[in-house]
């Protein structure tokens, strides 16, 4: 049985989503959102774990984009925090790691 987690779009993600002009990318994101809602944490690939937070991603191969998700295990919430081209993957992951370390003190919603 899939994990059931609340799926939350962060304010920072909402802003970046509203700037996307390509309807194909928006459709991919909506499909990922549906998969997250149905499958929970089983739908993601884990990239980094610290304390109760897990940074994970969902991959789109064509076009090569990544949807970044932070799972707060203590509250069973999945936060959609980013959408970026694969070429920027390592930069985004490093940035997200720093934000997650800050979230340990302040909470995910305060950081993203």
N, C-alpha and C. Protein backbone atom coordinates (compact mmCIF):
# COMPACT_ATOMS: atom_id res chain seq x y z
N UNK A 1 0.85 -1.18 0.00
CA UNK A 1 0.00 0.00 0.00
C UNK A 1 0.89 1.24 0.00
N UNK A 2 0.63 2.21 -0.88
CA UNK A 2 1.47 3.40 -0.97
C UNK A 2 1.37 4.27 0.27
N UNK A 3 2.49 4.98 0.55
CA UNK A 3 2.48 5.95 1.63
C UNK A 3 1.55 7.09 1.26
N UNK A 4 0.76 7.55 2.23
CA UNK A 4 -0.12 8.69 2.00
C UNK A 4 0.44 9.88 2.74
N UNK A 5 0.82 10.88 1.98
CA UNK A 5 1.34 12.11 2.54
C UNK A 5 0.56 13.27 1.93
N UNK A 6 0.43 14.32 2.72
CA UNK A 6 -0.16 15.55 2.20
C UNK A 6 0.85 16.16 1.23
N UNK A 7 0.41 16.57 0.04
CA UNK A 7 1.27 17.19 -0.96
C UNK A 7 1.01 18.69 -0.94
N UNK A 8 2.08 19.47 -0.74
CA UNK A 8 1.97 20.92 -0.59
C UNK A 8 2.85 21.61 -1.62
N UNK A 9 2.28 22.59 -2.31
CA UNK A 9 3.05 23.43 -3.22
C UNK A 9 3.56 24.62 -2.40
N UNK A 10 4.87 24.78 -2.33
CA UNK A 10 5.43 25.92 -1.58
C UNK A 10 5.20 27.21 -2.36
N UNK A 11 5.26 28.34 -1.64
CA UNK A 11 5.08 29.63 -2.29
C UNK A 11 6.13 29.87 -3.37
N UNK A 12 7.38 29.49 -3.08
CA UNK A 12 8.44 29.68 -4.06
C UNK A 12 8.19 28.85 -5.32
N UNK A 13 7.65 27.64 -5.15
CA UNK A 13 7.34 26.82 -6.32
C UNK A 13 6.17 27.41 -7.10
N UNK A 14 5.16 27.91 -6.41
CA UNK A 14 4.01 28.52 -7.09
C UNK A 14 4.46 29.68 -7.98
N UNK A 15 5.38 30.48 -7.47
CA UNK A 15 5.90 31.62 -8.25
C UNK A 15 6.64 31.14 -9.48
N UNK A 16 7.51 30.14 -9.32
CA UNK A 16 8.26 29.65 -10.47
C UNK A 16 7.34 28.95 -11.47
N UNK A 17 6.33 28.26 -10.98
CA UNK A 17 5.37 27.58 -11.86
C UNK A 17 4.60 28.60 -12.71
N UNK A 18 4.22 29.71 -12.10
CA UNK A 18 3.46 30.73 -12.84
C UNK A 18 4.29 31.37 -13.96
N UNK A 19 5.61 31.27 -13.88
CA UNK A 19 6.49 31.84 -14.91
C UNK A 19 6.74 30.89 -16.08
N UNK A 20 6.36 29.63 -15.94
CA UNK A 20 6.58 28.64 -17.00
C UNK A 20 5.60 28.92 -18.15
N UNK A 21 6.15 29.10 -19.33
CA UNK A 21 5.34 29.40 -20.52
C UNK A 21 4.96 28.13 -21.30
N UNK A 22 5.76 27.10 -21.19
CA UNK A 22 5.58 25.87 -21.95
C UNK A 22 4.49 25.00 -21.30
N UNK A 23 3.38 24.83 -22.01
CA UNK A 23 2.28 24.02 -21.48
C UNK A 23 2.66 22.56 -21.31
N UNK A 24 3.61 22.08 -22.11
CA UNK A 24 4.08 20.71 -21.97
C UNK A 24 4.75 20.48 -20.62
N UNK A 25 5.56 21.46 -20.19
CA UNK A 25 6.19 21.36 -18.87
C UNK A 25 5.14 21.39 -17.76
N UNK A 26 4.15 22.27 -17.91
CA UNK A 26 3.09 22.35 -16.90
C UNK A 26 2.34 21.03 -16.80
N UNK A 27 2.12 20.38 -17.94
CA UNK A 27 1.41 19.09 -17.95
C UNK A 27 2.24 18.03 -17.22
N UNK A 28 3.56 18.02 -17.46
CA UNK A 28 4.44 17.07 -16.76
C UNK A 28 4.37 17.29 -15.26
N UNK A 29 4.42 18.54 -14.84
CA UNK A 29 4.35 18.85 -13.40
C UNK A 29 3.02 18.38 -12.82
N UNK A 30 1.93 18.61 -13.52
CA UNK A 30 0.63 18.16 -13.03
C UNK A 30 0.56 16.64 -12.94
N UNK A 31 1.16 15.95 -13.91
CA UNK A 31 1.20 14.48 -13.85
C UNK A 31 2.02 14.02 -12.64
N UNK A 32 3.16 14.69 -12.40
CA UNK A 32 3.96 14.36 -11.22
C UNK A 32 3.17 14.60 -9.93
N UNK A 33 2.43 15.71 -9.89
CA UNK A 33 1.61 16.02 -8.71
C UNK A 33 0.60 14.91 -8.47
N UNK A 34 -0.04 14.47 -9.53
CA UNK A 34 -1.02 13.37 -9.41
C UNK A 34 -0.36 12.10 -8.88
N UNK A 35 0.84 11.76 -9.42
CA UNK A 35 1.55 10.57 -8.94
C UNK A 35 1.91 10.70 -7.47
N UNK A 36 2.37 11.90 -7.07
CA UNK A 36 2.70 12.11 -5.66
C UNK A 36 1.47 11.94 -4.78
N UNK A 37 0.34 12.47 -5.23
CA UNK A 37 -0.89 12.36 -4.46
C UNK A 37 -1.33 10.92 -4.30
N UNK A 38 -1.12 10.11 -5.35
CA UNK A 38 -1.53 8.71 -5.32
C UNK A 38 -0.53 7.80 -4.63
N UNK A 39 0.77 8.00 -4.92
CA UNK A 39 1.79 7.07 -4.46
C UNK A 39 2.61 7.58 -3.28
N UNK A 40 2.52 8.85 -2.97
CA UNK A 40 3.29 9.42 -1.88
C UNK A 40 4.78 9.30 -2.11
N UNK A 41 5.52 9.02 -1.06
CA UNK A 41 6.97 8.95 -1.11
C UNK A 41 7.49 7.82 -2.00
N UNK A 42 6.64 6.88 -2.34
CA UNK A 42 7.05 5.78 -3.23
C UNK A 42 7.30 6.25 -4.66
N UNK A 43 6.87 7.46 -4.99
CA UNK A 43 7.00 7.97 -6.36
C UNK A 43 8.30 8.72 -6.60
N UNK A 44 9.12 8.90 -5.58
CA UNK A 44 10.31 9.76 -5.71
C UNK A 44 11.61 8.98 -5.54
N UNK A 45 12.69 9.61 -6.02
CA UNK A 45 14.04 9.09 -5.83
C UNK A 45 14.70 9.93 -4.75
N UNK A 46 15.23 9.29 -3.73
CA UNK A 46 15.87 10.00 -2.62
C UNK A 46 17.26 10.48 -3.03
N UNK A 47 17.54 11.76 -2.74
CA UNK A 47 18.83 12.35 -3.06
C UNK A 47 19.67 12.65 -1.82
N UNK A 48 19.01 13.03 -0.72
CA UNK A 48 19.73 13.51 0.46
C UNK A 48 18.81 13.40 1.67
N UNK A 49 19.37 12.97 2.80
CA UNK A 49 18.59 12.84 4.03
C UNK A 49 19.34 13.54 5.16
N UNK A 50 18.62 14.36 5.91
CA UNK A 50 19.17 14.97 7.12
C UNK A 50 18.03 15.15 8.13
N UNK A 51 18.27 14.66 9.32
CA UNK A 51 17.27 14.74 10.39
C UNK A 51 15.96 14.10 9.89
N UNK A 52 14.85 14.81 9.96
CA UNK A 52 13.56 14.27 9.53
C UNK A 52 13.21 14.66 8.09
N UNK A 53 14.15 15.25 7.37
CA UNK A 53 13.87 15.74 6.03
C UNK A 53 14.58 14.90 4.97
N UNK A 54 13.86 14.67 3.88
CA UNK A 54 14.41 13.93 2.75
C UNK A 54 14.24 14.80 1.50
N UNK A 55 15.36 15.09 0.83
CA UNK A 55 15.30 15.77 -0.46
C UNK A 55 15.20 14.68 -1.52
N UNK A 56 14.24 14.81 -2.41
CA UNK A 56 14.04 13.80 -3.44
C UNK A 56 13.67 14.48 -4.75
N UNK A 57 13.60 13.66 -5.80
CA UNK A 57 13.27 14.20 -7.12
C UNK A 57 12.39 13.23 -7.89
N UNK A 58 11.74 13.80 -8.90
CA UNK A 58 11.04 13.02 -9.91
C UNK A 58 11.63 13.47 -11.24
N UNK A 59 11.88 12.53 -12.14
CA UNK A 59 12.57 12.84 -13.39
C UNK A 59 11.62 12.83 -14.59
N UNK A 60 11.85 13.82 -15.44
CA UNK A 60 11.26 13.83 -16.77
C UNK A 60 12.44 13.69 -17.73
N UNK A 61 12.38 12.72 -18.61
CA UNK A 61 13.50 12.48 -19.51
C UNK A 61 13.42 13.31 -20.79
N UNK A 62 12.23 13.57 -21.26
CA UNK A 62 12.09 14.35 -22.48
C UNK A 62 10.91 15.29 -22.35
N UNK A 63 11.13 16.53 -22.01
CA UNK A 63 12.39 17.26 -21.81
C UNK A 63 13.05 16.86 -20.49
N UNK A 64 14.37 17.04 -20.41
CA UNK A 64 15.10 16.60 -19.21
C UNK A 64 14.99 17.57 -18.05
N UNK A 65 13.91 17.47 -17.28
CA UNK A 65 13.69 18.33 -16.12
C UNK A 65 13.57 17.48 -14.87
N UNK A 66 13.72 18.13 -13.72
CA UNK A 66 13.59 17.47 -12.43
C UNK A 66 12.62 18.27 -11.56
N UNK A 67 11.72 17.56 -10.88
CA UNK A 67 10.85 18.15 -9.88
C UNK A 67 11.43 17.78 -8.53
N UNK A 68 11.70 18.78 -7.69
CA UNK A 68 12.32 18.55 -6.39
C UNK A 68 11.27 18.60 -5.29
N UNK A 69 11.35 17.62 -4.40
CA UNK A 69 10.39 17.45 -3.33
C UNK A 69 11.14 17.26 -2.02
N UNK A 70 10.63 17.90 -0.97
CA UNK A 70 11.17 17.68 0.38
C UNK A 70 10.09 16.98 1.18
N UNK A 71 10.44 15.85 1.76
CA UNK A 71 9.53 15.09 2.62
C UNK A 71 9.87 15.41 4.06
N UNK A 72 8.89 15.93 4.78
CA UNK A 72 9.03 16.14 6.21
C UNK A 72 8.43 14.90 6.88
N UNK A 73 9.29 14.01 7.33
CA UNK A 73 8.83 12.73 7.88
C UNK A 73 8.08 12.89 9.20
N UNK A 74 8.40 13.92 9.96
CA UNK A 74 7.74 14.10 11.25
C UNK A 74 6.27 14.49 11.09
N UNK A 75 5.93 15.13 9.95
CA UNK A 75 4.56 15.56 9.72
C UNK A 75 3.90 14.85 8.54
N UNK A 76 4.63 13.92 7.91
CA UNK A 76 4.12 13.21 6.73
C UNK A 76 3.62 14.16 5.65
N UNK A 77 4.43 15.16 5.32
CA UNK A 77 4.08 16.12 4.29
C UNK A 77 5.16 16.12 3.21
N UNK A 78 4.70 16.19 1.96
CA UNK A 78 5.58 16.30 0.80
C UNK A 78 5.47 17.73 0.28
N UNK A 79 6.58 18.44 0.27
CA UNK A 79 6.61 19.82 -0.21
C UNK A 79 7.26 19.85 -1.59
N UNK A 80 6.53 20.33 -2.58
CA UNK A 80 7.12 20.52 -3.90
C UNK A 80 7.85 21.85 -3.85
N UNK A 81 9.18 21.80 -4.06
CA UNK A 81 10.00 23.00 -3.84
C UNK A 81 10.71 23.52 -5.08
N UNK A 82 10.78 22.74 -6.17
CA UNK A 82 11.49 23.24 -7.33
C UNK A 82 11.28 22.44 -8.58
N UNK A 83 11.53 23.10 -9.70
CA UNK A 83 11.46 22.50 -11.04
C UNK A 83 12.60 23.11 -11.82
N UNK A 84 13.50 22.28 -12.30
CA UNK A 84 14.67 22.83 -12.97
C UNK A 84 15.17 21.87 -14.04
N UNK A 85 15.86 22.43 -15.03
CA UNK A 85 16.46 21.64 -16.10
C UNK A 85 17.56 20.75 -15.52
N UNK A 86 17.76 19.60 -16.08
CA UNK A 86 18.75 18.63 -15.60
C UNK A 86 20.15 19.24 -15.57
N UNK A 87 20.47 20.15 -16.49
CA UNK A 87 21.80 20.76 -16.53
C UNK A 87 22.15 21.49 -15.24
N UNK A 88 21.15 21.95 -14.51
CA UNK A 88 21.37 22.69 -13.26
C UNK A 88 21.18 21.80 -12.04
N UNK A 89 21.09 20.51 -12.24
CA UNK A 89 20.74 19.58 -11.17
C UNK A 89 21.67 19.68 -9.96
N UNK A 90 22.97 19.65 -10.17
CA UNK A 90 23.90 19.66 -9.04
C UNK A 90 23.84 20.97 -8.27
N UNK A 91 23.71 22.09 -8.99
CA UNK A 91 23.59 23.39 -8.33
C UNK A 91 22.33 23.44 -7.46
N UNK A 92 21.24 22.95 -8.01
CA UNK A 92 19.97 22.96 -7.29
C UNK A 92 20.05 22.08 -6.05
N UNK A 93 20.64 20.91 -6.18
CA UNK A 93 20.75 19.99 -5.04
C UNK A 93 21.56 20.63 -3.92
N UNK A 94 22.68 21.25 -4.25
CA UNK A 94 23.51 21.91 -3.22
C UNK A 94 22.74 23.03 -2.55
N UNK A 95 22.01 23.82 -3.32
CA UNK A 95 21.21 24.91 -2.76
C UNK A 95 20.11 24.36 -1.84
N UNK A 96 19.47 23.28 -2.27
CA UNK A 96 18.39 22.67 -1.48
C UNK A 96 18.93 22.08 -0.18
N UNK A 97 20.13 21.51 -0.21
CA UNK A 97 20.72 20.97 1.01
C UNK A 97 20.88 22.06 2.06
N UNK A 98 21.35 23.23 1.64
CA UNK A 98 21.50 24.36 2.57
C UNK A 98 20.15 24.80 3.12
N UNK A 99 19.16 24.84 2.26
CA UNK A 99 17.82 25.25 2.71
C UNK A 99 17.23 24.23 3.69
N UNK A 100 17.48 22.95 3.44
CA UNK A 100 16.95 21.93 4.36
C UNK A 100 17.62 22.05 5.72
N UNK A 101 18.92 22.34 5.75
CA UNK A 101 19.60 22.52 7.03
C UNK A 101 18.97 23.68 7.80
N UNK A 102 18.58 24.74 7.10
CA UNK A 102 17.90 25.86 7.75
C UNK A 102 16.49 25.47 8.18
N UNK A 103 15.85 24.61 7.42
CA UNK A 103 14.49 24.17 7.73
C UNK A 103 14.43 23.37 9.02
N UNK A 104 15.53 22.73 9.39
CA UNK A 104 15.56 21.97 10.65
C UNK A 104 15.25 22.90 11.82
N UNK A 105 15.73 24.12 11.75
CA UNK A 105 15.50 25.09 12.82
C UNK A 105 14.18 25.83 12.68
N UNK A 106 13.80 26.13 11.44
CA UNK A 106 12.66 27.04 11.22
C UNK A 106 11.43 26.39 10.59
N UNK A 107 11.56 25.20 10.04
CA UNK A 107 10.45 24.55 9.36
C UNK A 107 10.50 24.80 7.87
N UNK A 108 10.02 23.86 7.10
CA UNK A 108 10.08 23.93 5.64
C UNK A 108 9.31 25.14 5.10
N UNK A 109 8.14 25.38 5.63
CA UNK A 109 7.29 26.45 5.10
C UNK A 109 7.95 27.82 5.27
N UNK A 110 8.79 27.99 6.28
CA UNK A 110 9.50 29.26 6.48
C UNK A 110 10.65 29.45 5.51
N UNK A 111 11.18 28.38 4.97
CA UNK A 111 12.36 28.44 4.10
C UNK A 111 12.00 28.49 2.63
N UNK A 112 11.06 27.66 2.21
CA UNK A 112 10.71 27.58 0.80
C UNK A 112 9.53 28.46 0.55
